[in-house]
Amino acid sequence: MFLGGSFFTVLLLSLAFGLPTSHALVVRQDGVKMSLTRRLQQTTAKNIIQQDIARLKRFTQVRGSESGINEQVEPHGFTYMATVGVGNPPTDYTLIVDTGSSNIWIGANKSYIPTKSSFPTPNTVEEVYGSGTFSGNEFLDQVTLADGLVLTNQSIGVANSTVGSFNGGDGLLGLGQAKLTRGTLHPDINATIPTVTDTSYAEGLIPSHSVGVFLRPPTADNPGIGELTFGGVDKTKLTSEIQYAPVPQTTDGLIGNYWSVEQSVTYGNDNVPILNATTGLVDSGTTFLFLSSDAYARYVEATGAVLDPAVGLLTVNSTQIDSLQSLYFNING
């Protein structure tokens, strides 16, 4: 199902669904794997849409702007979670995995426990999300992502104030680009903070400066869930060779800060144009797929779908669903 939004002029591909499962960590030669869990917050489609829209607005805001800062929305639906150890000996924290931000921070629910590996810095750190905020102090500490992947000098935020429930998590594990952290550290607002992927590679713990994200919808035979692979890709999950696409750099400098791809969108076997080549964000924290207003209108015209105001999603009747065709995304030409 698709939604239109006049404020949002790019396509967003989402990655969020599922049910909880147990935590497990496995080291592989092609990278270090970390299993994910998924936490469900019972809600309605309208609430999930409201959360997604608040998040999308944040993607297009200049950091530090007043607009939208007080528009906080409680998290709804499914959230990907990972268990991360902090300190020596480590304390386990359940963190939301987020490709749309880059800071790692704890303290939303379980308090930070300093150990012999904990070093406070004079800096403070803060971040604003579509569904909450946090502010606190920066520490350098040991962070355990997996067996064989122990970061000895990772910058973390320790919250002393949060807004929002963060779906019961203890904080966030940001997997975005380091430049997204610019403006979150004080007093040097121009500084960037190395992400956990940056530190893993800099400390020689992973073979490549990358993180693979694998997500699988649940079925009757398999609960799905997913995993992260730091420093590589789990090739057992592939059905074909990987095709790489560059991250576009847009003129406004905002969208280019996020993981994104250049793509066009067509409908059906006749390749009916829906969206000309533009930048689309790929985000683990957004549930639905969003199109720009003009592309949304073309999809409605092509399918005959009608918006159900009670649900907030497009619907088709039994005749229309029999003739419904696929929506195609042509990435990187």
C-alpha atoms as a PDB file:
ATOM      1  CA  MET A   1       0.000   0.000   0.000  1.00  0.00           C
ATOM      2  CA  PHE A   2       1.204   3.497  -0.839  1.00  0.00           C
ATOM      3  CA  LEU A   3       0.787   6.952   0.570  1.00  0.00           C
ATOM      4  CA  GLY A   4       1.298  10.383  -0.915  1.00  0.00           C
ATOM      5  CA  GLY A   5       2.881  13.334   0.852  1.00  0.00           C
ATOM      6  CA  SER A   6       3.142  16.796  -0.688  1.00  0.00           C
ATOM      7  CA  PHE A   7       6.011  17.708   1.658  1.00  0.00           C
ATOM      8  CA  PHE A   8       8.173  14.806   0.560  1.00  0.00           C
ATOM      9  CA  THR A   9       9.658  14.947  -2.923  1.00  0.00           C
ATOM     10  CA  VAL A  10      11.709  11.751  -2.963  1.00  0.00           C
ATOM     11  CA  LEU A  11      10.892   8.094  -2.774  1.00  0.00           C
ATOM     12  CA  LEU A  12      11.591   6.195   0.416  1.00  0.00           C
ATOM     13  CA  LEU A  13      12.107   2.437   0.501  1.00  0.00           C
ATOM     14  CA  SER A  14      11.349   0.968   3.926  1.00  0.00           C
ATOM     15  CA  LEU A  15      12.722  -2.033   5.774  1.00  0.00           C
ATOM     16  CA  ALA A  16      10.577  -2.577   8.903  1.00  0.00           C
ATOM     17  CA  PHE A  17       8.332  -5.600   9.858  1.00  0.00           C
ATOM     18  CA  GLY A  18       8.397  -8.760  12.077  1.00  0.00           C
ATOM     19  CA  LEU A  19       8.242 -10.688  15.366  1.00  0.00           C
ATOM     20  CA  PRO A  20      10.748 -11.141  18.218  1.00  0.00           C
ATOM     21  CA  THR A  21      13.265 -13.967  18.315  1.00  0.00           C
ATOM     22  CA  SER A  22      16.272 -14.978  20.422  1.00  0.00           C
ATOM     23  CA  HIS A  23      19.646 -13.212  20.340  1.00  0.00           C
ATOM     24  CA  ALA A  24      22.663 -14.894  18.786  1.00  0.00           C
ATOM     25  CA  LEU A  25      26.075 -13.825  17.491  1.00  0.00           C
ATOM     26  CA  VAL A  26      28.223 -15.734  14.995  1.00  0.00           C
ATOM     27  CA  VAL A  27      31.647 -14.896  13.546  1.00  0.00           C
ATOM     28  CA  ARG A  28      32.124 -15.629   9.824  1.00  0.00           C
ATOM     29  CA  GLN A  29      35.087 -15.276   7.499  1.00  0.00           C
ATOM     30  CA  ASP A  30      33.174 -12.840   5.299  1.00  0.00           C
ATOM     31  CA  GLY A  31      32.414 -10.512   8.221  1.00  0.00           C
ATOM     32  CA  VAL A  32      31.005 -10.580  11.739  1.00  0.00           C
ATOM     33  CA  LYS A  33      27.303 -11.313  12.072  1.00  0.00           C
ATOM     34  CA  MET A  34      24.897  -9.915  14.633  1.00  0.00           C
ATOM     35  CA  SER A  35      21.351 -11.249  14.793  1.00  0.00           C
ATOM     36  CA  LEU A  36      18.442  -8.838  15.089  1.00  0.00           C
ATOM     37  CA  THR A  37      15.177  -9.064  16.977  1.00  0.00           C
ATOM     38  CA  ARG A  38      11.975  -7.200  16.259  1.00  0.00           C
ATOM     39  CA  ARG A  39       9.709  -5.650  18.830  1.00  0.00           C
ATOM     40  CA  LEU A  40       6.016  -5.054  18.211  1.00  0.00           C
ATOM     41  CA  GLN A  41       4.073  -2.089  19.538  1.00  0.00           C
ATOM     42  CA  GLN A  42       0.381  -2.872  18.958  1.00  0.00           C
ATOM     43  CA  THR A  43      -1.186   0.019  17.078  1.00  0.00           C
ATOM     44  CA  THR A  44      -3.174   1.094  14.013  1.00  0.00           C
ATOM     45  CA  ALA A  45      -2.021   1.842  10.477  1.00  0.00           C
ATOM     46  CA  LYS A  46      -2.823   5.512  10.986  1.00  0.00           C
ATOM     47  CA  ASN A  47      -0.477   5.731  13.965  1.00  0.00           C
ATOM     48  CA  ILE A  48       2.331   4.100  11.982  1.00  0.00           C
ATOM     49  CA  ILE A  49       1.734   6.545   9.122  1.00  0.00           C
ATOM     50  CA  GLN A  50       1.898   9.471  11.555  1.00  0.00           C
ATOM     51  CA  GLN A  51       5.224   8.214  12.907  1.00  0.00           C
ATOM     52  CA  ASP A  52       6.636   7.645   9.412  1.00  0.00           C
ATOM     53  CA  ILE A  53       5.652  11.123   8.243  1.00  0.00           C
ATOM     54  CA  ALA A  54       7.285  12.730  11.285  1.00  0.00           C
ATOM     55  CA  ARG A  55      10.454  10.781  10.484  1.00  0.00           C
ATOM     56  CA  LEU A  56      10.401  11.791   6.807  1.00  0.00           C
ATOM     57  CA  LYS A  57      10.031  15.442   7.711  1.00  0.00           C
ATOM     58  CA  ARG A  58      13.116  15.138   9.887  1.00  0.00           C
ATOM     59  CA  PHE A  59      15.109  13.797   6.929  1.00  0.00           C
ATOM     60  CA  THR A  60      14.546  17.044   5.026  1.00  0.00           C
ATOM     61  CA  GLN A  61      15.255  19.448   7.901  1.00  0.00           C
ATOM     62  CA  VAL A  62      18.448  21.373   8.463  1.00  0.00           C
ATOM     63  CA  ARG A  63      19.897  20.390  11.855  1.00  0.00           C
ATOM     64  CA  GLY A  64      19.231  23.056  14.438  1.00  0.00           C
ATOM     65  CA  SER A  65      16.125  24.427  12.706  1.00  0.00           C
ATOM     66  CA  GLU A  66      13.110  25.131  14.899  1.00  0.00           C
ATOM     67  CA  SER A  67      10.602  23.473  12.551  1.00  0.00           C
ATOM     68  CA  GLY A  68       9.310  20.136  13.786  1.00  0.00           C
ATOM     69  CA  ILE A  69      11.469  19.976  16.915  1.00  0.00           C
ATOM     70  CA  ASN A  70       8.421  19.775  19.181  1.00  0.00           C
ATOM     71  CA  GLU A  71       6.481  17.428  16.907  1.00  0.00           C
ATOM     72  CA  GLN A  72       7.155  14.248  18.886  1.00  0.00           C
ATOM     73  CA  VAL A  73       5.287  11.056  17.998  1.00  0.00           C
ATOM     74  CA  GLU A  74       5.334   7.858  20.012  1.00  0.00           C
ATOM     75  CA  PRO A  75       6.887   4.894  18.127  1.00  0.00           C
ATOM     76  CA  HIS A  76       4.428   2.387  16.669  1.00  0.00           C
ATOM     77  CA  GLY A  77       4.598  -0.918  14.828  1.00  0.00           C
ATOM     78  CA  PHE A  78       7.756  -3.003  14.470  1.00  0.00           C
ATOM     79  CA  THR A  79      11.270  -1.956  15.473  1.00  0.00           C
ATOM     80  CA  TYR A  80      14.528  -3.774  14.761  1.00  0.00           C
ATOM     81  CA  MET A  81      16.617  -4.292  17.902  1.00  0.00           C
ATOM     82  CA  ALA A  82      20.164  -5.511  18.653  1.00  0.00           C
ATOM     83  CA  THR A  83      21.872  -6.432  21.908  1.00  0.00           C
ATOM     84  CA  VAL A  84      25.083  -4.456  22.442  1.00  0.00           C
ATOM     85  CA  GLY A  85      27.537  -4.742  25.345  1.00  0.00           C
ATOM     86  CA  VAL A  86      29.052  -1.573  26.819  1.00  0.00           C
ATOM     87  CA  GLY A  87      31.937  -1.520  29.286  1.00  0.00           C
ATOM     88  CA  ASN A  88      34.430  -4.067  30.653  1.00  0.00           C
ATOM     89  CA  PRO A  89      32.891  -6.224  31.943  1.00  0.00           C
ATOM     90  CA  PRO A  90      30.073  -5.434  29.501  1.00  0.00           C
ATOM     91  CA  THR A  91      26.492  -4.586  30.390  1.00  0.00           C
ATOM     92  CA  ASP A  92      24.026  -5.604  27.690  1.00  0.00           C
ATOM     93  CA  TYR A  93      21.704  -2.949  26.253  1.00  0.00           C
ATOM     94  CA  THR A  94      18.875  -3.461  23.784  1.00  0.00           C
ATOM     95  CA  LEU A  95      19.283  -0.806  21.086  1.00  0.00           C
ATOM     96  CA  ILE A  96      17.111   0.194  18.142  1.00  0.00           C
ATOM     97  CA  VAL A  97      18.974  -0.407  14.878  1.00  0.00           C
ATOM     98  CA  ASP A  98      18.653   2.694  12.724  1.00  0.00           C
ATOM     99  CA  THR A  99      20.168   3.257   9.275  1.00  0.00           C
ATOM    100  CA  GLY A 100      18.731   6.785   9.263  1.00  0.00           C
ATOM    101  CA  SER A 101      20.966   8.078  12.080  1.00  0.00           C
ATOM    102  CA  SER A 102      24.578   7.537  13.140  1.00  0.00           C
ATOM    103  CA  ASN A 103      24.994   8.077  16.882  1.00  0.00           C
ATOM    104  CA  ILE A 104      25.203   5.201  19.343  1.00  0.00           C
ATOM    105  CA  TRP A 105      23.732   6.072  22.726  1.00  0.00           C
ATOM    106  CA  ILE A 106      22.265   4.355  25.783  1.00  0.00           C
ATOM    107  CA  GLY A 107      20.306   5.215  28.915  1.00  0.00           C
ATOM    108  CA  ALA A 108      16.719   5.553  27.695  1.00  0.00           C
ATOM    109  CA  ASN A 109      15.584   2.764  30.029  1.00  0.00           C
ATOM    110  CA  LYS A 110      18.535   0.849  31.511  1.00  0.00           C
ATOM    111  CA  SER A 111      21.070   3.154  33.142  1.00  0.00           C
ATOM    112  CA  TYR A 112      24.710   3.347  32.082  1.00  0.00           C
ATOM    113  CA  ILE A 113      27.068   1.382  34.339  1.00  0.00           C
ATOM    114  CA  PRO A 114      30.622   2.820  34.208  1.00  0.00           C
ATOM    115  CA  THR A 115      33.471   0.307  34.414  1.00  0.00           C
ATOM    116  CA  LYS A 116      37.264   0.379  34.206  1.00  0.00           C
ATOM    117  CA  SER A 117      36.994   1.006  30.434  1.00  0.00           C
ATOM    118  CA  SER A 118      34.770   4.104  30.787  1.00  0.00           C
ATOM    119  CA  PHE A 119      36.282   7.536  30.087  1.00  0.00           C
ATOM    120  CA  PRO A 120      34.114  10.680  30.295  1.00  0.00           C
ATOM    121  CA  THR A 121      34.820  13.525  27.870  1.00  0.00           C
ATOM    122  CA  PRO A 122      33.972  17.216  28.411  1.00  0.00           C
ATOM    123  CA  ASN A 123      31.467  17.049  25.553  1.00  0.00           C
ATOM    124  CA  THR A 124      27.707  16.788  25.547  1.00  0.00           C
ATOM    125  CA  VAL A 125      25.693  15.120  22.790  1.00  0.00           C
ATOM    126  CA  GLU A 126      22.082  15.371  21.654  1.00  0.00           C
ATOM    127  CA  GLU A 127      19.922  14.197  18.757  1.00  0.00           C
ATOM    128  CA  VAL A 128      16.344  14.772  17.582  1.00  0.00           C
ATOM    129  CA  TYR A 129      14.312  12.015  15.900  1.00  0.00           C
ATOM    130  CA  GLY A 130      10.812  11.928  14.463  1.00  0.00           C
ATOM    131  CA  SER A 131       9.637   9.947  17.508  1.00  0.00           C
ATOM    132  CA  GLY A 132      11.795  11.322  20.311  1.00  0.00           C
ATOM    133  CA  THR A 133      14.924  13.104  21.475  1.00  0.00           C
ATOM    134  CA  PHE A 134      17.885  12.419  23.708  1.00  0.00           C
ATOM    135  CA  SER A 135      20.588  14.543  25.322  1.00  0.00           C
ATOM    136  CA  GLY A 136      23.452  13.615  27.609  1.00  0.00           C
ATOM    137  CA  ASN A 137      27.206  13.270  27.951  1.00  0.00           C
ATOM    138  CA  GLU A 138      29.821  11.738  25.685  1.00  0.00           C
ATOM    139  CA  PHE A 139      31.932   8.837  26.959  1.00  0.00           C
ATOM    140  CA  LEU A 140      34.643   6.747  25.330  1.00  0.00           C
ATOM    141  CA  ASP A 141      34.118   3.104  26.206  1.00  0.00           C
ATOM    142  CA  GLN A 142      34.487  -0.499  25.121  1.00  0.00           C
ATOM    143  CA  VAL A 143      31.592  -1.633  22.931  1.00  0.00           C
ATOM    144  CA  THR A 144      30.921  -5.287  22.156  1.00  0.00           C
ATOM    145  CA  LEU A 145      28.928  -5.770  18.956  1.00  0.00           C
ATOM    146  CA  ALA A 146      29.650  -9.493  18.593  1.00  0.00           C
ATOM    147  CA  ASP A 147      32.084 -12.217  19.554  1.00  0.00           C
ATOM    148  CA  GLY A 148      35.336 -11.076  17.940  1.00  0.00           C
ATOM    149  CA  LEU A 149      34.057  -7.544  17.398  1.00  0.00           C
ATOM    150  CA  VAL A 150      34.952  -5.579  20.534  1.00  0.00           C
ATOM    151  CA  LEU A 151      35.612  -1.861  19.979  1.00  0.00           C
ATOM    152  CA  THR A 152      38.035  -0.520  22.568  1.00  0.00           C
ATOM    153  CA  ASN A 153      37.583   3.231  22.098  1.00  0.00           C
ATOM    154  CA  GLN A 154      34.083   3.990  20.824  1.00  0.00           C
ATOM    155  CA  SER A 155      32.325   7.309  21.411  1.00  0.00           C
ATOM    156  CA  ILE A 156      28.894   6.769  22.966  1.00  0.00           C
ATOM    157  CA  GLY A 157      26.197   9.069  24.259  1.00  0.00           C
ATOM    158  CA  VAL A 158      24.896   8.505  27.774  1.00  0.00           C
ATOM    159  CA  ALA A 159      21.441   9.990  28.088  1.00  0.00           C
ATOM    160  CA  ASN A 160      20.406  12.106  31.033  1.00  0.00           C
ATOM    161  CA  SER A 161      17.219  13.253  29.321  1.00  0.00           C
ATOM    162  CA  THR A 162      14.991  11.532  26.750  1.00  0.00           C
ATOM    163  CA  VAL A 163      11.611  12.265  25.183  1.00  0.00           C
ATOM    164  CA  GLY A 164       9.650   9.290  23.823  1.00  0.00           C
ATOM    165  CA  SER A 165       9.603   5.624  24.790  1.00  0.00           C
ATOM    166  CA  PHE A 166      11.893   4.365  21.963  1.00  0.00           C
ATOM    167  CA  ASN A 167       9.680   1.257  21.895  1.00  0.00           C
ATOM    168  CA  GLY A 168      11.126   0.048  25.194  1.00  0.00           C
ATOM    169  CA  GLY A 169      14.721   0.096  23.930  1.00  0.00           C
ATOM    170  CA  ASP A 170      17.687   1.371  25.895  1.00  0.00           C
ATOM    171  CA  GLY A 171      18.906   3.665  23.104  1.00  0.00           C
ATOM    172  CA  LEU A 172      19.955   3.601  19.445  1.00  0.00           C
ATOM    173  CA  LEU A 173      22.631   1.931  17.335  1.00  0.00           C
ATOM    174  CA  GLY A 174      23.055   4.295  14.395  1.00  0.00           C
ATOM    175  CA  LEU A 175      24.357   2.760  11.162  1.00  0.00           C
ATOM    176  CA  GLY A 176      24.236   5.846   8.969  1.00  0.00           C
ATOM    177  CA  GLN A 177      27.096   7.920   7.619  1.00  0.00           C
ATOM    178  CA  ALA A 178      29.337   9.749  10.093  1.00  0.00           C
ATOM    179  CA  LYS A 179      28.415  13.136   8.624  1.00  0.00           C
ATOM    180  CA  LEU A 180      24.948  12.708  10.133  1.00  0.00           C
ATOM    181  CA  THR A 181      26.559  13.185  13.563  1.00  0.00           C
ATOM    182  CA  ARG A 182      27.711  16.715  12.683  1.00  0.00           C
ATOM    183  CA  GLY A 183      25.823  19.105  14.948  1.00  0.00           C
ATOM    184  CA  THR A 184      25.097  16.514  17.654  1.00  0.00           C
ATOM    185  CA  LEU A 185      28.308  17.112  19.645  1.00  0.00           C
ATOM    186  CA  HIS A 186      28.835  20.199  21.803  1.00  0.00           C
ATOM    187  CA  PRO A 187      30.608  22.533  22.042  1.00  0.00           C
ATOM    188  CA  ASP A 188      32.226  21.686  18.680  1.00  0.00           C
ATOM    189  CA  ILE A 189      29.091  21.425  16.555  1.00  0.00           C
ATOM    190  CA  ASN A 190      31.139  21.019  13.367  1.00  0.00           C
ATOM    191  CA  ALA A 191      32.835  17.834  14.583  1.00  0.00           C
ATOM    192  CA  THR A 192      31.715  14.387  13.457  1.00  0.00           C
ATOM    193  CA  ILE A 193      31.656  11.276  15.638  1.00  0.00           C
ATOM    194  CA  PRO A 194      33.038   7.970  14.293  1.00  0.00           C
ATOM    195  CA  THR A 195      30.270   5.404  13.906  1.00  0.00           C
ATOM    196  CA  VAL A 196      30.619   1.837  15.147  1.00  0.00           C
ATOM    197  CA  THR A 197      31.389   0.792  11.559  1.00  0.00           C
ATOM    198  CA  ASP A 198      34.090   3.471  11.313  1.00  0.00           C
ATOM    199  CA  THR A 199      35.693   2.360  14.582  1.00  0.00           C
ATOM    200  CA  SER A 200      35.476  -1.345  13.709  1.00  0.00           C
ATOM    201  CA  TYR A 201      37.386  -0.714  10.500  1.00  0.00           C
ATOM    202  CA  ALA A 202      39.874   1.758  12.021  1.00  0.00           C
ATOM    203  CA  GLU A 203      40.750  -0.736  14.764  1.00  0.00           C
ATOM    204  CA  GLY A 204      41.350  -3.461  12.160  1.00  0.00           C
ATOM    205  CA  LEU A 205      38.487  -5.639  13.360  1.00  0.00           C
ATOM    206  CA  ILE A 206      36.665  -6.037  10.045  1.00  0.00           C
ATOM    207  CA  PRO A 207      38.044  -6.635   6.522  1.00  0.00           C
ATOM    208  CA  SER A 208      36.098  -3.855   4.766  1.00  0.00           C
ATOM    209  CA  HIS A 209      34.558  -0.530   5.717  1.00  0.00           C
ATOM    210  CA  SER A 210      30.968  -1.708   5.299  1.00  0.00           C
ATOM    211  CA  VAL A 211      27.944  -3.192   7.018  1.00  0.00           C
ATOM    212  CA  GLY A 212      25.501  -5.574   5.342  1.00  0.00           C
ATOM    213  CA  VAL A 213      21.832  -5.495   6.337  1.00  0.00           C
ATOM    214  CA  PHE A 214      19.730  -8.614   5.755  1.00  0.00           C
ATOM    215  CA  LEU A 215      15.986  -8.554   6.494  1.00  0.00           C
ATOM    216  CA  ARG A 216      13.536 -11.344   5.748  1.00  0.00           C
ATOM    217  CA  PRO A 217       9.731 -11.276   6.130  1.00  0.00           C
ATOM    218  CA  PRO A 218       8.398 -13.930   8.504  1.00  0.00           C
ATOM    219  CA  THR A 219       6.675 -17.038   7.148  1.00  0.00           C
ATOM    220  CA  ALA A 220       4.975 -20.031   8.728  1.00  0.00           C
ATOM    221  CA  ASP A 221       8.244 -21.985   8.472  1.00  0.00           C
ATOM    222  CA  ASN A 222      10.693 -19.216   9.337  1.00  0.00           C
ATOM    223  CA  PRO A 223      10.283 -16.296  11.774  1.00  0.00           C
ATOM    224  CA  GLY A 224      12.337 -14.132   9.417  1.00  0.00           C
ATOM    225  CA  ILE A 225      13.965 -11.321  11.418  1.00  0.00           C
ATOM    226  CA  GLY A 226      17.423 -10.542  10.009  1.00  0.00           C
ATOM    227  CA  GLU A 227      21.042  -9.807  10.765  1.00  0.00           C
ATOM    228  CA  LEU A 228      23.843  -7.298  10.382  1.00  0.00           C
ATOM    229  CA  THR A 229      27.191  -8.296   8.873  1.00  0.00           C
ATOM    230  CA  PHE A 230      29.982  -5.906   9.827  1.00  0.00           C
ATOM    231  CA  GLY A 231      32.771  -5.854   7.266  1.00  0.00           C
ATOM    232  CA  GLY A 232      31.125  -7.887   4.543  1.00  0.00           C
ATOM    233  CA  VAL A 233      28.092  -9.691   3.205  1.00  0.00           C
ATOM    234  CA  ASP A 234      26.684 -13.096   4.114  1.00  0.00           C
ATOM    235  CA  LYS A 235      26.783 -14.674   0.654  1.00  0.00           C
ATOM    236  CA  THR A 236      24.557 -17.566   1.758  1.00  0.00           C
ATOM    237  CA  LYS A 237      21.697 -15.040   1.726  1.00  0.00           C
ATOM    238  CA  LEU A 238      22.232 -14.011  -1.916  1.00  0.00           C
ATOM    239  CA  THR A 239      20.310 -15.290  -4.928  1.00  0.00           C
ATOM    240  CA  SER A 240      22.473 -13.351  -7.428  1.00  0.00           C
ATOM    241  CA  GLU A 241      25.570 -11.181  -7.585  1.00  0.00           C
ATOM    242  CA  ILE A 242      25.410  -7.888  -5.718  1.00  0.00           C
ATOM    243  CA  GLN A 243      25.022  -4.808  -7.888  1.00  0.00           C
ATOM    244  CA  TYR A 244      26.494  -1.694  -6.256  1.00  0.00           C
ATOM    245  CA  ALA A 245      25.087   1.811  -6.678  1.00  0.00           C
ATOM    246  CA  PRO A 246      26.701   5.099  -5.572  1.00  0.00           C
ATOM    247  CA  VAL A 247      25.085   7.257  -2.899  1.00  0.00           C
ATOM    248  CA  PRO A 248      23.825  10.368  -4.753  1.00  0.00           C
ATOM    249  CA  GLN A 249      25.044  13.783  -3.640  1.00  0.00           C
ATOM    250  CA  THR A 250      22.172  16.237  -3.927  1.00  0.00           C
ATOM    251  CA  THR A 251      22.481  19.975  -4.334  1.00  0.00           C
ATOM    252  CA  ASP A 252      20.823  20.764  -0.985  1.00  0.00           C
ATOM    253  CA  GLY A 253      23.267  18.484   0.839  1.00  0.00           C
ATOM    254  CA  LEU A 254      20.544  16.990   3.050  1.00  0.00           C
ATOM    255  CA  ILE A 255      19.333  13.826   1.325  1.00  0.00           C
ATOM    256  CA  GLY A 256      22.920  12.961   0.375  1.00  0.00           C
ATOM    257  CA  ASN A 257      23.684  12.560   4.077  1.00  0.00           C
ATOM    258  CA  TYR A 258      21.530   9.417   4.193  1.00  0.00           C
ATOM    259  CA  TRP A 259      21.830   6.000   2.559  1.00  0.00           C
ATOM    260  CA  SER A 260      20.078   6.520  -0.740  1.00  0.00           C
ATOM    261  CA  VAL A 261      19.957   5.396  -4.361  1.00  0.00           C
ATOM    262  CA  GLU A 262      19.092   6.959  -7.704  1.00  0.00           C
ATOM    263  CA  GLN A 263      16.092   5.229  -9.289  1.00  0.00           C
ATOM    264  CA  SER A 264      13.040   5.555 -11.480  1.00  0.00           C
ATOM    265  CA  VAL A 265       9.708   3.808 -10.930  1.00  0.00           C
ATOM    266  CA  THR A 266       7.378   2.195 -13.480  1.00  0.00           C
ATOM    267  CA  TYR A 267       4.163   0.216 -13.228  1.00  0.00           C
ATOM    268  CA  GLY A 268       3.232  -3.023 -14.947  1.00  0.00           C
ATOM    269  CA  ASN A 269       4.483  -4.876 -18.003  1.00  0.00           C
ATOM    270  CA  ASP A 270       3.952  -1.806 -20.179  1.00  0.00           C
ATOM    271  CA  ASN A 271       6.370   0.211 -18.011  1.00  0.00           C
ATOM    272  CA  VAL A 272       3.903   2.992 -17.279  1.00  0.00           C
ATOM    273  CA  PRO A 273       6.015   5.902 -15.915  1.00  0.00           C
ATOM    274  CA  ILE A 274       5.324   6.601 -12.244  1.00  0.00           C
ATOM    275  CA  LEU A 275       8.440   8.488 -11.135  1.00  0.00           C
ATOM    276  CA  ASN A 276      11.316   9.858 -13.167  1.00  0.00           C
ATOM    277  CA  ALA A 277      14.866   9.285 -11.956  1.00  0.00           C
ATOM    278  CA  THR A 278      15.252  10.778  -8.490  1.00  0.00           C
ATOM    279  CA  THR A 279      16.847  10.084  -5.131  1.00  0.00           C
ATOM    280  CA  GLY A 280      15.229   7.502  -2.865  1.00  0.00           C
ATOM    281  CA  LEU A 281      16.117   6.935   0.790  1.00  0.00           C
ATOM    282  CA  VAL A 282      16.607   3.440   2.210  1.00  0.00           C
ATOM    283  CA  ASP A 283      15.656   3.434   5.888  1.00  0.00           C
ATOM    284  CA  SER A 284      15.256   0.675   8.482  1.00  0.00           C
ATOM    285  CA  GLY A 285      13.115   2.878  10.716  1.00  0.00           C
ATOM    286  CA  THR A 286      10.217   3.544   8.316  1.00  0.00           C
ATOM    287  CA  THR A 287       7.435   1.027   7.777  1.00  0.00           C
ATOM    288  CA  PHE A 288       5.594   2.176   4.662  1.00  0.00           C
ATOM    289  CA  LEU A 289       6.744   3.081   1.152  1.00  0.00           C
ATOM    290  CA  PHE A 290       6.276   6.765   0.321  1.00  0.00           C
ATOM    291  CA  LEU A 291       6.071   8.411  -3.100  1.00  0.00           C
ATOM    292  CA  SER A 292       6.121  12.066  -4.081  1.00  0.00           C
ATOM    293  CA  SER A 293       2.683  13.562  -4.682  1.00  0.00           C
ATOM    294  CA  ASP A 294       2.865  13.471  -8.486  1.00  0.00           C
ATOM    295  CA  ALA A 295       4.102   9.853  -8.514  1.00  0.00           C
ATOM    296  CA  TYR A 296       1.387   8.883  -6.031  1.00  0.00           C
ATOM    297  CA  ALA A 297      -1.270  10.412  -8.320  1.00  0.00           C
ATOM    298  CA  ARG A 298       0.085   8.445 -11.313  1.00  0.00           C
ATOM    299  CA  TYR A 299      -0.016   5.202  -9.339  1.00  0.00           C
ATOM    300  CA  VAL A 300      -3.610   5.861  -8.285  1.00  0.00           C
ATOM    301  CA  GLU A 301      -4.561   6.545 -11.918  1.00  0.00           C
ATOM    302  CA  ALA A 302      -2.804   3.399 -13.154  1.00  0.00           C
ATOM    303  CA  THR A 303      -4.400   1.089 -10.572  1.00  0.00           C
ATOM    304  CA  GLY A 304      -7.770   2.696  -9.894  1.00  0.00           C
ATOM    305  CA  ALA A 305      -7.049   2.459  -6.167  1.00  0.00           C
ATOM    306  CA  VAL A 306      -9.025   4.615  -3.735  1.00  0.00           C
ATOM    307  CA  LEU A 307      -7.843   6.099  -0.459  1.00  0.00           C
ATOM    308  CA  ASP A 308      -9.589   4.660   2.594  1.00  0.00           C
ATOM    309  CA  PRO A 309      -9.645   7.608   5.044  1.00  0.00           C
ATOM    310  CA  ALA A 310     -10.424   5.340   7.992  1.00  0.00           C
ATOM    311  CA  VAL A 311      -7.197   3.391   7.483  1.00  0.00           C
ATOM    312  CA  GLY A 312      -5.057   5.931   5.649  1.00  0.00           C
ATOM    313  CA  LEU A 313      -4.050   3.480   2.890  1.00  0.00           C
ATOM    314  CA  LEU A 314      -5.061   2.823  -0.701  1.00  0.00           C
ATOM    315  CA  THR A 315      -7.562   0.041  -1.343  1.00  0.00           C
ATOM    316  CA  VAL A 316      -8.623  -1.850  -4.489  1.00  0.00           C
ATOM    317  CA  ASN A 317     -11.758  -3.888  -5.132  1.00  0.00           C
ATOM    318  CA  SER A 318     -11.830  -7.565  -6.115  1.00  0.00           C
ATOM    319  CA  THR A 319     -11.908  -6.763  -9.841  1.00  0.00           C
ATOM    320  CA  GLN A 320      -8.984  -4.362  -9.620  1.00  0.00           C
ATOM    321  CA  ILE A 321      -6.858  -6.730  -7.573  1.00  0.00           C
ATOM    322  CA  ASP A 322      -7.101  -9.383 -10.300  1.00  0.00           C
ATOM    323  CA  SER A 323      -5.484  -6.985 -12.756  1.00  0.00           C
ATOM    324  CA  LEU A 324      -3.040  -5.427 -10.312  1.00  0.00           C
ATOM    325  CA  GLN A 325       0.552  -5.481 -11.616  1.00  0.00           C
ATOM    326  CA  SER A 326       3.968  -5.004 -10.072  1.00  0.00           C
ATOM    327  CA  LEU A 327       5.639  -1.705  -9.298  1.00  0.00           C
ATOM    328  CA  TYR A 328       9.222  -1.716 -10.607  1.00  0.00           C
ATOM    329  CA  PHE A 329      12.216   0.190  -9.250  1.00  0.00           C
ATOM    330  CA  ASN A 330      15.072   0.731 -11.693  1.00  0.00           C
ATOM    331  CA  ILE A 331      18.087   1.535  -9.501  1.00  0.00           C
ATOM    332  CA  ASN A 332      21.151   3.328 -10.875  1.00  0.00           C
ATOM    333  CA  GLY A 333      20.002   3.407 -14.475  1.00  0.00           C
END
